[in-house]
Amino acid sequence: MVKEGDLVAIFHSIHRVMKAEKLLKQAGKEVMLIPVPRQLTSDCGLAIRFSQESRAGVEAALAASGLEIQELYLRQQKEFVCLDV
């Protein structure tokens, strides 16, 4: 479900991840709501997947609405690398 080079954003709660998905889709960003990959942990169980190319736009749209990504991961060589948010 998460391809090499994709980013996975984890939020503090299910409410925030759902709000982020709605906001990003309204802003025309290509994102997908996914279950949190098994290698990662999250209380809410859902995350948002998007491409590296859209990272700046996604982060700007979220910041403008006051939403913050709790953790951001890059899928790299079958592993997830934690990135600075």
N, C-alpha and C. Protein backbone atom coordinates (compact mmCIF):
# COMPACT_ATOMS: atom_id res chain seq x y z
N MET A 1 0.82 -1.20 0.00
CA MET A 1 0.00 0.00 0.00
C MET A 1 0.86 1.26 0.00
N VAL A 2 2.00 1.23 0.69
CA VAL A 2 2.91 2.37 0.69
C VAL A 2 4.09 2.02 -0.21
N LYS A 3 4.26 2.79 -1.28
CA LYS A 3 5.31 2.53 -2.25
C LYS A 3 6.62 3.17 -1.83
N GLU A 4 7.70 2.67 -2.41
CA GLU A 4 9.02 3.24 -2.20
C GLU A 4 8.99 4.74 -2.50
N GLY A 5 9.48 5.55 -1.59
CA GLY A 5 9.53 7.00 -1.78
C GLY A 5 8.31 7.75 -1.29
N ASP A 6 7.25 7.03 -0.89
CA ASP A 6 6.06 7.70 -0.35
C ASP A 6 6.31 8.20 1.07
N LEU A 7 5.56 9.21 1.45
CA LEU A 7 5.59 9.73 2.82
C LEU A 7 4.32 9.30 3.54
N VAL A 8 4.45 9.04 4.84
CA VAL A 8 3.32 8.66 5.69
C VAL A 8 3.29 9.62 6.87
N ALA A 9 2.17 10.33 7.00
CA ALA A 9 1.99 11.30 8.09
C ALA A 9 1.07 10.71 9.14
N ILE A 10 1.50 10.79 10.39
CA ILE A 10 0.72 10.31 11.54
C ILE A 10 0.31 11.52 12.38
N PHE A 11 -0.93 11.50 12.84
CA PHE A 11 -1.48 12.61 13.62
C PHE A 11 -1.82 12.14 15.03
N HIS A 12 -2.13 13.09 15.93
CA HIS A 12 -2.41 12.79 17.34
C HIS A 12 -3.69 12.01 17.57
N SER A 13 -4.67 12.16 16.68
CA SER A 13 -5.96 11.50 16.92
C SER A 13 -6.66 11.19 15.61
N ILE A 14 -7.64 10.32 15.69
CA ILE A 14 -8.44 9.97 14.52
C ILE A 14 -9.16 11.20 13.99
N HIS A 15 -9.60 12.06 14.90
CA HIS A 15 -10.29 13.29 14.49
C HIS A 15 -9.37 14.15 13.62
N ARG A 16 -8.13 14.30 14.03
CA ARG A 16 -7.19 15.15 13.28
C ARG A 16 -6.82 14.56 11.94
N VAL A 17 -6.64 13.24 11.87
CA VAL A 17 -6.28 12.63 10.59
C VAL A 17 -7.44 12.75 9.61
N MET A 18 -8.67 12.60 10.08
CA MET A 18 -9.84 12.73 9.22
C MET A 18 -10.00 14.18 8.75
N LYS A 19 -9.77 15.11 9.65
CA LYS A 19 -9.85 16.53 9.30
C LYS A 19 -8.77 16.89 8.28
N ALA A 20 -7.56 16.36 8.48
CA ALA A 20 -6.46 16.62 7.57
C ALA A 20 -6.76 16.06 6.18
N GLU A 21 -7.30 14.86 6.11
CA GLU A 21 -7.63 14.28 4.82
C GLU A 21 -8.65 15.14 4.08
N LYS A 22 -9.69 15.55 4.77
CA LYS A 22 -10.73 16.37 4.16
C LYS A 22 -10.15 17.69 3.65
N LEU A 23 -9.37 18.35 4.49
CA LEU A 23 -8.76 19.63 4.12
C LEU A 23 -7.84 19.48 2.92
N LEU A 24 -7.01 18.45 2.92
CA LEU A 24 -6.05 18.27 1.84
C LEU A 24 -6.74 17.93 0.52
N LYS A 25 -7.76 17.13 0.58
CA LYS A 25 -8.50 16.80 -0.65
C LYS A 25 -9.22 18.03 -1.19
N GLN A 26 -9.77 18.85 -0.30
CA GLN A 26 -10.42 20.10 -0.74
C GLN A 26 -9.40 21.05 -1.37
N ALA A 27 -8.16 20.97 -0.91
CA ALA A 27 -7.09 21.82 -1.45
C ALA A 27 -6.50 21.23 -2.74
N GLY A 28 -7.03 20.10 -3.18
CA GLY A 28 -6.57 19.49 -4.42
C GLY A 28 -5.30 18.68 -4.32
N LYS A 29 -4.91 18.31 -3.10
CA LYS A 29 -3.71 17.51 -2.89
C LYS A 29 -4.04 16.03 -3.08
N GLU A 30 -3.11 15.30 -3.70
CA GLU A 30 -3.30 13.87 -3.89
C GLU A 30 -2.80 13.14 -2.65
N VAL A 31 -3.73 12.78 -1.79
CA VAL A 31 -3.41 12.06 -0.56
C VAL A 31 -4.34 10.86 -0.45
N MET A 32 -3.94 9.90 0.37
CA MET A 32 -4.78 8.75 0.61
C MET A 32 -4.77 8.40 2.09
N LEU A 33 -5.94 8.17 2.64
CA LEU A 33 -6.07 7.72 4.02
C LEU A 33 -5.78 6.22 4.04
N ILE A 34 -4.84 5.81 4.89
CA ILE A 34 -4.42 4.40 4.94
C ILE A 34 -4.34 3.94 6.39
N PRO A 35 -4.38 2.62 6.61
CA PRO A 35 -4.07 2.12 7.95
C PRO A 35 -2.59 2.38 8.25
N VAL A 36 -2.26 2.66 9.47
CA VAL A 36 -0.86 2.86 9.83
C VAL A 36 -0.10 1.56 9.55
N PRO A 37 1.00 1.63 8.80
CA PRO A 37 1.78 0.42 8.51
C PRO A 37 2.20 -0.30 9.79
N ARG A 38 2.29 -1.60 9.73
CA ARG A 38 2.60 -2.41 10.91
C ARG A 38 3.91 -2.04 11.58
N GLN A 39 4.88 -1.58 10.78
CA GLN A 39 6.18 -1.22 11.35
C GLN A 39 6.12 0.04 12.22
N LEU A 40 5.05 0.81 12.06
CA LEU A 40 4.88 2.05 12.80
C LEU A 40 3.79 1.87 13.83
N THR A 41 3.77 2.75 14.82
CA THR A 41 2.71 2.67 15.83
C THR A 41 1.97 4.00 15.90
N SER A 42 0.68 3.89 16.16
CA SER A 42 -0.15 5.08 16.31
C SER A 42 -1.40 4.69 17.07
N ASP A 43 -1.83 5.56 17.95
CA ASP A 43 -3.04 5.29 18.72
C ASP A 43 -4.29 5.30 17.85
N CYS A 44 -4.30 6.13 16.82
CA CYS A 44 -5.54 6.25 16.04
C CYS A 44 -5.66 5.19 14.95
N GLY A 45 -4.56 4.61 14.50
CA GLY A 45 -4.63 3.53 13.53
C GLY A 45 -4.71 3.95 12.07
N LEU A 46 -4.85 5.25 11.80
CA LEU A 46 -4.92 5.74 10.43
C LEU A 46 -3.83 6.77 10.18
N ALA A 47 -3.41 6.87 8.92
CA ALA A 47 -2.37 7.82 8.53
C ALA A 47 -2.71 8.35 7.14
N ILE A 48 -1.96 9.33 6.70
CA ILE A 48 -2.14 9.89 5.37
C ILE A 48 -0.87 9.64 4.57
N ARG A 49 -1.06 9.09 3.37
CA ARG A 49 0.05 8.82 2.46
C ARG A 49 0.06 9.86 1.35
N PHE A 50 1.26 10.34 0.99
CA PHE A 50 1.40 11.28 -0.13
C PHE A 50 2.82 11.19 -0.67
N SER A 51 3.03 11.81 -1.82
CA SER A 51 4.34 11.75 -2.48
C SER A 51 5.30 12.79 -1.90
N GLN A 52 6.58 12.54 -2.10
CA GLN A 52 7.59 13.51 -1.65
C GLN A 52 7.44 14.84 -2.37
N GLU A 53 7.03 14.78 -3.63
CA GLU A 53 6.89 15.99 -4.43
C GLU A 53 5.82 16.92 -3.88
N SER A 54 4.83 16.36 -3.22
CA SER A 54 3.74 17.19 -2.70
C SER A 54 3.94 17.58 -1.23
N ARG A 55 5.07 17.24 -0.66
CA ARG A 55 5.30 17.49 0.77
C ARG A 55 5.13 18.96 1.15
N ALA A 56 5.76 19.86 0.43
CA ALA A 56 5.70 21.29 0.78
C ALA A 56 4.26 21.78 0.74
N GLY A 57 3.52 21.41 -0.28
CA GLY A 57 2.13 21.84 -0.40
C GLY A 57 1.24 21.26 0.68
N VAL A 58 1.47 20.01 1.02
CA VAL A 58 0.70 19.35 2.08
C VAL A 58 0.98 20.03 3.42
N GLU A 59 2.24 20.24 3.73
CA GLU A 59 2.60 20.86 5.00
C GLU A 59 2.07 22.30 5.08
N ALA A 60 2.12 23.03 3.97
CA ALA A 60 1.62 24.41 3.96
C ALA A 60 0.11 24.44 4.19
N ALA A 61 -0.62 23.55 3.54
CA ALA A 61 -2.08 23.50 3.70
C ALA A 61 -2.45 23.14 5.13
N LEU A 62 -1.72 22.21 5.72
CA LEU A 62 -2.00 21.82 7.11
C LEU A 62 -1.67 22.95 8.07
N ALA A 63 -0.53 23.60 7.86
CA ALA A 63 -0.12 24.70 8.74
C ALA A 63 -1.13 25.85 8.68
N ALA A 64 -1.65 26.13 7.49
CA ALA A 64 -2.62 27.22 7.34
C ALA A 64 -3.90 26.94 8.12
N SER A 65 -4.20 25.67 8.36
CA SER A 65 -5.42 25.32 9.10
C SER A 65 -5.13 25.00 10.57
N GLY A 66 -3.87 25.10 10.97
CA GLY A 66 -3.52 24.84 12.37
C GLY A 66 -3.35 23.38 12.72
N LEU A 67 -3.28 22.50 11.71
CA LEU A 67 -3.05 21.08 11.96
C LEU A 67 -1.56 20.78 11.86
N GLU A 68 -1.09 19.93 12.76
CA GLU A 68 0.32 19.56 12.74
C GLU A 68 0.47 18.05 12.58
N ILE A 69 1.45 17.66 11.79
CA ILE A 69 1.79 16.25 11.66
C ILE A 69 2.57 15.86 12.90
N GLN A 70 2.17 14.78 13.54
CA GLN A 70 2.86 14.31 14.75
C GLN A 70 4.19 13.65 14.37
N GLU A 71 4.13 12.75 13.38
CA GLU A 71 5.33 12.05 12.91
C GLU A 71 5.22 11.91 11.40
N LEU A 72 6.38 11.99 10.72
CA LEU A 72 6.42 11.86 9.27
C LEU A 72 7.49 10.83 8.92
N TYR A 73 7.12 9.87 8.07
CA TYR A 73 8.03 8.80 7.69
C TYR A 73 8.17 8.71 6.18
N LEU A 74 9.35 8.34 5.73
CA LEU A 74 9.65 8.09 4.33
C LEU A 74 9.85 6.60 4.14
N ARG A 75 9.16 6.01 3.15
CA ARG A 75 9.35 4.60 2.84
C ARG A 75 10.61 4.50 1.99
N GLN A 76 11.63 3.81 2.54
CA GLN A 76 12.92 3.72 1.87
C GLN A 76 13.51 2.34 2.08
N GLN A 77 13.75 1.64 1.00
CA GLN A 77 14.34 0.30 1.04
C GLN A 77 13.59 -0.62 2.01
N LYS A 78 12.28 -0.69 1.85
CA LYS A 78 11.39 -1.56 2.63
C LYS A 78 11.33 -1.21 4.11
N GLU A 79 11.84 -0.05 4.49
CA GLU A 79 11.78 0.41 5.88
C GLU A 79 11.16 1.81 5.90
N PHE A 80 10.85 2.28 7.10
CA PHE A 80 10.32 3.63 7.27
C PHE A 80 11.35 4.45 8.03
N VAL A 81 11.76 5.57 7.45
CA VAL A 81 12.73 6.46 8.07
C VAL A 81 11.97 7.68 8.59
N CYS A 82 12.17 7.98 9.87
CA CYS A 82 11.50 9.13 10.49
C CYS A 82 12.17 10.41 10.01
N LEU A 83 11.34 11.36 9.58
CA LEU A 83 11.83 12.66 9.11
C LEU A 83 11.47 13.76 10.11
N ASP A 84 12.22 14.84 10.05
CA ASP A 84 11.89 16.01 10.88
C ASP A 84 10.66 16.67 10.31
N VAL A 85 9.77 17.09 11.20
CA VAL A 85 8.55 17.78 10.77
C VAL A 85 8.70 19.25 11.07
